[in-house]
Protein backbone atom coordinates (compact mmCIF):
# COMPACT_ATOMS: atom_id res chain seq x y z
CA MET A 1 26.97 36.21 12.81
CA SER A 2 26.45 33.15 15.03
CA HIS A 3 28.99 32.28 17.70
CA VAL A 4 29.96 28.60 17.71
CA VAL A 5 32.30 27.08 20.29
CA VAL A 6 34.34 24.02 19.33
CA ILE A 7 35.62 21.87 22.20
CA GLY A 8 38.87 20.17 21.26
CA ALA A 9 41.77 21.24 19.05
CA GLY A 10 42.75 17.90 17.58
CA ILE A 11 42.25 17.01 13.93
CA THR A 12 38.43 16.82 14.22
CA GLY A 13 38.11 20.05 16.21
CA ILE A 14 40.39 22.11 13.98
CA THR A 15 38.90 20.88 10.70
CA THR A 16 35.45 21.57 12.17
CA ALA A 17 36.48 25.09 13.18
CA TYR A 18 37.86 25.72 9.70
CA ALA A 19 34.67 24.49 8.03
CA LEU A 20 32.54 26.64 10.37
CA LEU A 21 34.60 29.69 9.41
CA ASP A 22 33.87 28.89 5.77
CA GLN A 23 30.17 28.88 6.70
CA GLY A 24 30.51 32.44 8.05
CA HIS A 25 30.37 31.75 11.81
CA HIS A 26 32.37 33.39 14.57
CA VAL A 27 34.35 30.51 16.08
CA SER A 28 36.00 29.97 19.47
CA ILE A 29 38.06 26.83 20.14
CA LEU A 30 38.66 25.52 23.67
CA GLU A 31 41.59 23.15 24.16
CA ARG A 32 42.73 21.80 27.54
CA ARG A 33 46.33 21.25 26.44
CA ARG A 34 48.85 24.05 25.94
CA TYR A 35 48.92 23.59 22.16
CA PRO A 36 46.65 22.06 19.50
CA ALA A 37 47.10 18.44 18.41
CA MET A 38 48.92 17.21 21.52
CA GLU A 39 46.91 14.05 22.19
CA THR A 40 45.58 11.56 19.61
CA SER A 41 46.53 13.95 16.81
CA PHE A 42 50.19 13.99 17.80
CA ALA A 43 51.96 10.91 16.39
CA ASN A 44 49.58 8.46 14.73
CA GLY A 45 50.41 6.09 11.86
CA GLY A 46 50.10 8.87 9.31
CA GLN A 47 47.92 7.01 6.81
CA LEU A 48 45.12 8.75 4.90
CA SER A 49 43.70 5.37 4.08
CA ALA A 50 40.39 4.65 2.42
CA SER A 51 41.86 1.19 1.88
CA ASN A 52 41.77 0.64 5.66
CA ALA A 53 38.10 1.56 5.99
CA GLU A 54 36.95 -1.95 6.92
CA VAL A 55 35.33 -1.84 10.35
CA TRP A 56 36.46 -4.37 12.96
CA ASN A 57 32.98 -5.72 13.78
CA ARG A 58 33.51 -9.33 12.72
CA TRP A 59 33.53 -12.58 14.65
CA PRO A 60 37.15 -13.38 13.63
CA THR A 61 38.22 -10.12 15.33
CA VAL A 62 36.37 -11.10 18.53
CA ILE A 63 37.92 -14.59 18.50
CA LYS A 64 41.43 -13.17 17.98
CA GLY A 65 40.87 -10.74 20.84
CA LEU A 66 39.93 -13.59 23.18
CA LYS A 67 42.97 -15.64 22.12
CA TRP A 68 45.33 -12.71 22.62
CA MET A 69 44.05 -11.58 26.04
CA LEU A 70 47.04 -13.06 27.87
CA GLN A 71 49.69 -12.18 25.26
CA ARG A 72 51.24 -8.91 26.39
CA GLY A 73 52.60 -8.02 22.93
CA ALA A 74 49.51 -9.03 20.93
CA PRO A 75 48.26 -6.69 18.17
CA LEU A 76 44.84 -6.53 19.87
CA LEU A 77 44.94 -6.63 23.67
CA ILE A 78 41.90 -6.52 25.93
CA ARG A 79 43.01 -6.07 29.52
CA PRO A 80 40.76 -8.37 31.59
CA ALA A 81 40.37 -5.97 34.54
CA PRO A 82 36.64 -5.47 35.23
CA SER A 83 34.96 -2.37 33.79
CA LEU A 84 31.26 -1.89 33.12
CA HIS A 85 32.01 0.63 30.39
CA LYS A 86 34.50 -1.65 28.62
CA TYR A 87 32.37 -4.79 28.65
CA GLY A 88 29.20 -2.88 27.84
CA TRP A 89 30.98 -1.30 24.88
CA LEU A 90 32.22 -4.70 23.72
CA CYS A 91 28.69 -6.12 23.87
CA GLU A 92 27.45 -3.26 21.68
CA PHE A 93 30.46 -3.83 19.39
CA MET A 94 29.37 -7.43 18.86
CA GLY A 95 25.81 -6.27 18.25
CA GLN A 96 27.11 -4.26 15.29
CA ILE A 97 28.54 -7.34 13.54
CA GLN A 98 25.31 -7.62 11.55
CA HIS A 99 26.02 -4.16 10.08
CA TYR A 100 29.61 -4.93 9.07
CA ARG A 101 29.12 -4.50 5.31
CA ALA A 102 27.00 -1.34 5.53
CA ASN A 103 29.33 0.30 8.07
CA THR A 104 32.42 -0.55 6.03
CA ALA A 105 30.86 0.93 2.89
CA ALA A 106 29.80 4.09 4.74
CA THR A 107 33.28 4.56 6.24
CA MET A 108 34.94 4.12 2.86
CA ARG A 109 32.70 6.70 1.21
CA LEU A 110 33.58 9.20 3.94
CA ALA A 111 37.29 8.45 3.51
CA ILE A 112 37.23 9.06 -0.24
CA GLU A 113 35.33 12.33 0.22
CA ALA A 114 37.67 13.46 3.00
CA ARG A 115 40.73 13.35 0.74
CA ARG A 116 39.34 16.07 -1.48
CA HIS A 117 38.61 18.42 1.40
CA LEU A 118 41.89 17.82 3.24
CA PHE A 119 44.08 18.36 0.18
CA ALA A 120 42.09 21.51 -0.66
CA MET A 121 42.60 22.91 2.86
CA ALA A 122 46.33 22.25 2.72
CA GLU A 123 46.71 23.85 -0.70
CA ARG A 124 44.59 26.86 0.19
CA GLU A 125 46.55 27.57 3.38
CA GLY A 126 49.99 26.48 2.16
CA ILE A 127 50.43 23.81 4.85
CA ASP A 128 53.53 21.61 4.59
CA PHE A 129 52.78 18.34 6.38
CA ASP A 130 55.14 15.87 4.67
CA LEU A 131 52.41 14.71 2.31
CA GLU A 132 53.30 11.61 0.27
CA ARG A 133 50.80 10.66 -2.42
CA ARG A 134 52.47 7.35 -3.25
CA GLY A 135 49.63 5.03 -2.24
CA ILE A 136 49.36 2.33 0.44
CA LEU A 137 50.58 -1.23 -0.01
CA HIS A 138 48.94 -3.99 2.07
CA ILE A 139 51.24 -7.00 2.46
CA TYR A 140 50.24 -10.63 3.12
CA ARG A 141 52.50 -13.56 3.95
CA GLY A 142 50.04 -16.43 3.48
CA GLN A 143 47.40 -17.58 1.02
CA THR A 144 44.58 -17.69 3.59
CA GLU A 145 44.97 -14.08 4.72
CA PHE A 146 45.42 -12.95 1.10
CA GLU A 147 42.19 -14.65 0.03
CA GLU A 148 40.34 -13.11 2.97
CA ALA A 149 41.69 -9.71 1.88
CA ALA A 150 40.43 -10.42 -1.63
CA ARG A 151 36.90 -10.87 -0.25
CA VAL A 152 37.18 -7.54 1.57
CA ASN A 153 38.53 -6.02 -1.62
CA GLU A 154 35.34 -6.92 -3.50
CA LEU A 155 33.38 -4.86 -0.95
CA LEU A 156 35.77 -1.91 -1.22
CA ARG A 157 35.85 -1.92 -5.01
CA ALA A 158 32.05 -2.12 -5.16
CA GLY A 159 32.02 1.12 -3.20
CA GLY A 160 34.31 2.88 -5.66
CA LEU A 161 37.81 2.29 -4.29
CA ASP A 162 40.54 1.40 -6.78
CA ARG A 163 42.47 -1.22 -4.78
CA ARG A 164 44.15 -3.89 -6.87
CA PRO A 165 45.94 -7.17 -6.12
CA VAL A 166 49.69 -7.27 -6.76
CA THR A 167 52.21 -10.11 -6.99
CA PRO A 168 55.38 -10.25 -4.87
CA ASP A 169 57.39 -8.97 -7.85
CA GLU A 170 54.95 -6.08 -8.31
CA MET A 171 55.20 -5.33 -4.58
CA ARG A 172 58.97 -4.96 -4.87
CA SER A 173 58.52 -2.79 -7.94
CA ILE A 174 56.13 -0.49 -6.04
CA GLU A 175 58.41 -0.35 -3.00
CA PRO A 176 61.95 -1.71 -3.55
CA ALA A 177 62.70 -1.54 0.18
CA VAL A 178 60.24 -4.40 0.88
CA GLN A 179 62.17 -7.56 1.73
CA GLY A 180 61.10 -11.07 2.68
CA ASN A 181 58.74 -13.70 1.35
CA TYR A 182 55.13 -12.72 0.66
CA TYR A 183 52.18 -14.42 -0.97
CA GLY A 184 50.93 -11.14 -2.43
CA GLY A 185 49.50 -7.75 -1.65
CA PHE A 186 46.92 -5.11 -2.46
CA PHE A 187 47.82 -1.62 -3.61
CA THR A 188 45.70 1.53 -3.38
CA GLU A 189 47.40 4.19 -5.47
CA SER A 190 44.98 6.96 -4.43
CA ASP A 191 45.80 6.69 -0.70
CA ALA A 192 48.37 8.96 0.94
CA THR A 193 50.28 9.70 4.14
CA GLY A 194 51.23 12.80 6.09
CA ASP A 195 52.09 14.21 9.49
CA ILE A 196 48.80 14.78 11.34
CA HIS A 197 50.48 17.00 13.95
CA LYS A 198 52.04 19.36 11.41
CA PHE A 199 48.78 19.56 9.44
CA THR A 200 46.60 20.25 12.48
CA ARG A 201 48.96 22.89 13.87
CA GLY A 202 49.13 24.53 10.44
CA LEU A 203 45.36 24.54 10.02
CA ALA A 204 44.91 25.86 13.58
CA ALA A 205 47.15 28.81 12.68
CA ALA A 206 45.05 29.35 9.54
CA CYS A 207 41.88 29.40 11.67
CA VAL A 208 43.38 32.11 13.88
CA ARG A 209 44.40 34.14 10.83
CA ARG A 210 40.83 33.93 9.61
CA GLY A 211 39.44 35.25 12.89
CA ALA A 212 38.92 32.24 15.15
CA ARG A 213 39.73 32.58 18.84
CA LEU A 214 41.94 29.68 20.00
CA LEU A 215 42.05 29.32 23.79
CA CYS A 216 44.50 26.70 25.03
CA GLU A 217 44.94 25.47 28.61
CA ALA A 218 41.18 25.86 28.88
CA GLU A 219 39.54 23.14 30.98
CA VAL A 220 35.81 22.83 30.28
CA THR A 221 33.96 22.36 33.58
CA GLY A 222 30.30 22.66 32.65
CA LEU A 223 27.86 22.71 29.73
CA ALA A 224 24.22 23.75 29.68
CA ALA A 225 21.88 24.07 26.72
CA GLU A 226 18.69 26.11 26.54
CA ARG A 227 16.60 27.33 23.61
CA SER A 228 18.39 30.68 23.77
CA GLY A 229 21.81 29.06 23.33
CA VAL A 230 24.57 27.15 25.07
CA SER A 231 26.56 28.09 28.17
CA ILE A 232 30.12 26.76 28.45
CA SER A 233 32.01 27.10 31.73
CA TRP A 234 35.78 26.69 31.78
CA ARG A 235 38.93 27.43 33.74
CA ASN A 236 41.81 29.29 32.13
CA ALA A 237 45.54 28.65 32.59
CA ASP A 238 45.54 30.69 35.82
CA GLY A 239 42.68 28.65 37.26
CA ALA A 240 40.16 31.47 36.97
CA ALA A 241 36.59 30.50 36.03
CA GLU A 242 35.14 31.89 32.80
CA THR A 243 31.90 31.39 30.88
CA PHE A 244 30.94 31.60 27.23
CA ALA A 245 27.42 32.19 25.98
CA ALA A 246 27.26 30.77 22.46
CA ASP A 247 24.67 29.96 19.86
CA ALA A 248 26.02 26.42 19.50
CA VAL A 249 28.73 24.06 20.71
CA VAL A 250 30.40 21.28 18.71
CA ILE A 251 32.00 18.59 20.86
CA CYS A 252 35.16 17.26 19.18
CA ALA A 253 36.98 16.22 22.33
CA GLY A 254 38.08 12.66 21.60
CA VAL A 255 37.62 10.31 24.55
CA ALA A 256 36.48 13.22 26.73
CA SER A 257 33.42 13.63 24.48
CA ARG A 258 31.60 10.98 26.49
CA ARG A 259 31.97 13.04 29.68
CA PHE A 260 30.91 16.29 28.01
CA ALA A 261 27.90 14.59 26.46
CA ALA A 262 26.86 13.36 29.91
CA MET A 263 26.88 16.97 31.19
CA LEU A 264 24.14 17.62 28.63
CA GLY A 265 22.17 14.48 29.40
CA GLU A 266 23.38 12.77 26.21
CA ARG A 267 24.85 9.30 25.78
CA VAL A 268 27.85 9.05 23.48
CA ASN A 269 29.36 5.60 23.94
CA ILE A 270 33.03 6.12 23.16
CA TYR A 271 35.77 3.85 24.48
CA PRO A 272 39.47 4.82 24.54
CA VAL A 273 41.37 2.26 22.45
CA LYS A 274 45.08 2.88 22.93
CA GLY A 275 47.40 2.83 19.94
CA TYR A 276 51.18 3.02 19.93
CA SER A 277 53.76 4.38 17.51
CA ILE A 278 57.46 4.87 17.16
CA THR A 279 59.15 7.59 15.15
CA VAL A 280 62.42 6.27 13.80
CA HIS A 281 64.86 9.10 13.11
CA LEU A 282 66.80 8.36 9.94
CA ASP A 283 70.02 10.11 10.90
CA ASP A 284 72.32 8.51 8.34
CA ALA A 285 72.24 8.11 4.57
CA ALA A 286 72.02 4.31 4.73
CA SER A 287 68.86 4.45 6.87
CA GLN A 288 67.29 7.08 4.65
CA GLU A 289 67.91 4.86 1.64
CA ALA A 290 66.68 1.65 3.30
CA ALA A 291 63.41 2.97 4.79
CA PRO A 292 60.35 2.65 2.53
CA THR A 293 58.72 5.72 1.01
CA VAL A 294 55.49 3.92 0.09
CA SER A 295 53.18 3.42 3.07
CA LEU A 296 52.73 -0.18 4.23
CA LEU A 297 50.09 -2.10 6.16
CA ASP A 298 51.19 -5.51 7.42
CA ASP A 299 47.96 -7.41 7.95
CA ALA A 300 49.40 -10.17 10.13
CA THR A 301 50.85 -7.79 12.71
CA LYS A 302 48.40 -4.89 12.14
CA ILE A 303 51.37 -2.53 11.78
CA VAL A 304 51.31 0.49 9.48
CA THR A 305 54.08 2.78 8.29
CA SER A 306 54.50 6.22 6.81
CA ARG A 307 57.53 8.14 5.63
CA LEU A 308 57.53 11.66 7.04
CA GLY A 309 60.02 13.62 5.00
CA ARG A 310 63.53 12.41 4.34
CA ASP A 311 64.59 11.79 7.92
CA ARG A 312 61.60 10.31 9.80
CA PHE A 313 59.90 6.91 9.55
CA ARG A 314 56.68 6.35 11.51
CA VAL A 315 55.71 2.79 12.55
CA ALA A 316 52.40 2.34 14.38
CA GLY A 317 49.98 -0.32 15.47
CA THR A 318 48.28 -2.32 18.19
CA ALA A 319 44.94 -1.74 19.88
CA GLU A 320 44.72 -1.92 23.66
CA PHE A 321 41.50 -1.84 25.71
CA ASN A 322 42.67 -0.51 29.06
CA GLY A 323 40.53 2.51 29.91
CA GLU A 324 42.01 6.02 29.95
CA ASN A 325 45.51 4.70 30.50
CA ARG A 326 48.12 6.74 28.63
CA ASP A 327 51.21 4.89 29.87
CA ILE A 328 53.77 4.07 27.19
CA LEU A 329 54.57 0.43 27.93
CA GLU A 330 57.86 -1.04 26.78
CA GLU A 331 56.22 -4.41 26.10
CA ARG A 332 53.95 -2.74 23.52
CA ILE A 333 56.72 -0.66 21.92
CA ARG A 334 59.16 -3.56 21.58
CA PRO A 335 57.19 -5.34 18.80
CA LEU A 336 57.20 -2.15 16.68
CA VAL A 337 60.98 -1.82 16.99
CA ALA A 338 61.49 -5.54 16.31
CA TRP A 339 59.24 -5.38 13.24
CA THR A 340 61.29 -2.49 11.88
CA GLN A 341 64.56 -4.29 12.47
CA THR A 342 63.27 -7.49 10.84
CA LEU A 343 61.78 -5.98 7.70
CA PHE A 344 64.30 -3.16 7.26
CA PRO A 345 67.57 -4.34 8.85
CA ALA A 346 69.61 -1.52 7.29
CA VAL A 347 67.50 1.10 9.09
CA SER A 348 69.15 2.21 12.31
CA THR A 349 66.88 2.15 15.37
CA ALA A 350 69.43 3.95 17.52
CA ARG A 351 67.08 6.95 17.89
CA VAL A 352 63.45 5.92 18.31
CA ILE A 353 60.77 8.09 19.93
CA PRO A 354 57.83 6.08 21.40
CA TRP A 355 54.31 7.43 21.78
CA ALA A 356 50.82 6.26 22.78
CA GLY A 357 47.43 7.85 22.19
CA LEU A 358 43.79 7.06 22.93
CA ARG A 359 41.57 6.54 19.89
CA PRO A 360 37.92 7.45 20.61
CA MET A 361 35.89 4.54 19.23
CA THR A 362 32.15 3.97 19.01
CA PRO A 363 30.87 0.36 19.05
CA SER A 364 29.85 0.64 15.38
CA MET A 365 33.17 2.32 14.47
CA ILE A 366 31.09 4.99 12.73
CA PRO A 367 31.79 8.47 14.16
CA ARG A 368 29.02 10.39 15.91
CA VAL A 369 28.44 13.36 13.60
CA GLY A 370 25.52 15.76 13.78
CA ALA A 371 23.02 17.30 16.17
CA GLY A 372 22.42 16.18 19.72
CA ARG A 373 19.02 16.02 21.41
CA ARG A 374 19.30 19.51 22.91
CA PRO A 375 19.17 22.68 20.81
CA GLY A 376 22.54 24.12 19.90
CA VAL A 377 24.47 20.91 20.72
CA PHE A 378 26.41 19.07 18.02
CA PHE A 379 28.97 16.27 17.90
CA ASN A 380 31.89 15.38 15.66
CA THR A 381 33.69 12.63 17.54
CA GLY A 382 34.32 8.90 17.81
CA HIS A 383 36.45 8.45 14.68
CA GLY A 384 38.58 5.72 16.22
CA HIS A 385 41.74 4.83 14.30
CA LEU A 386 40.52 6.78 11.24
CA GLY A 387 40.36 10.33 12.59
CA TRP A 388 43.12 11.51 10.25
CA THR A 389 41.40 9.78 7.33
CA LEU A 390 37.81 10.94 7.98
CA ALA A 391 37.96 14.29 9.80
CA ALA A 392 37.98 16.58 6.76
CA ALA A 393 34.70 15.03 5.55
CA THR A 394 32.87 14.87 8.89
CA ALA A 395 33.84 18.52 9.50
CA GLN A 396 31.95 19.48 6.37
CA ILE A 397 28.90 17.46 7.46
CA VAL A 398 28.69 18.88 10.98
CA SER A 399 29.36 22.49 9.91
CA ALA A 400 26.54 22.29 7.36
CA THR A 401 24.26 20.82 10.03
CA VAL A 402 25.12 23.63 12.46
CA SER A 403 24.46 26.30 9.83
CA GLU A 404 21.12 24.79 8.88
CA ALA A 405 20.01 24.50 12.50
CA LEU A 406 21.02 28.06 13.41
CA ALA A 407 19.31 29.47 10.33
CA ALA A 408 15.98 27.85 11.28
CA PRO A 409 13.53 29.77 13.51
CA ARG A 410 13.80 28.88 17.19
């Protein structure tokens, strides 16, 4: 039985570990935090959204980013402070504009495939993660943005996604809590929402039950790959140095994947794009009744929602280019609260929990999945804002790649 070490216990690391166990490997998971799913997999927007598979590599996105640079509450904010990594990443991002259609189609196919695997994992292990299979409703206030969405919709439907236009009356029929004036919307009935933190913690427990070794508060300090295998050095919670000798390592470490890749002489160009969320606690019956149960995506503000059980409402959005800055800024949280109060005035925002996380994005917005240049080194990282949506599929891909590589003669 081969020994495979997974670095990172977020959604990508835990789904990868689970898939490797299915392949018959002995699995160890190293996580620097005290518990799994405490960083980007803690409080995201909750959407399992093939309908949001469109990559951002388009000139209109670049132009909006430039316009919004000095607007502190803008949906997309690029902090102008100098950074070679940031501006180099942005140049590569613009170089990927020519691949917009192909990358969007590839992302959507992964998203559709991921649903099947994720739902199967949850059913097999009995994981309750506040799953709502009510679809996702995209809302548009003006004709121009609706017509642009219709052009994107042609690309998504050509790839096999059932996403249909709906009138304002149909929107209110799908989700009666929606108020205000809208030009129209698009509805994807097959999309879903759920609590990424609850799912990841539940699946991590399932991995341990199936024989995986989960080591938290483990800080990886060194990686070396030879033909005989991979050496992983790390410090435990007491600060003592330890070393693993493994047949393979899979790096699923979010924004830290770039640093770990560099230890192995690899280049993985991931930039940390900060996203924010608020969890609105629905502590009274009126709020519970007024909050939507169908997931929403407001295209104008780039805000998404998900209903997490009866008494929680997640509102998330914004993209901030500001390096590995994890500060929760009031100026970025305020628009999420204001949006909630405007669209759902009967929902009390008396108890709101803010959060921010760093999405690991590649310039193409396609995750890095597969073998590295050195033997025994593999990657499953760089999922950006779609980690929750894509991880169950990329875990299957990388685990199959690991098994094939380890079965071949060295």
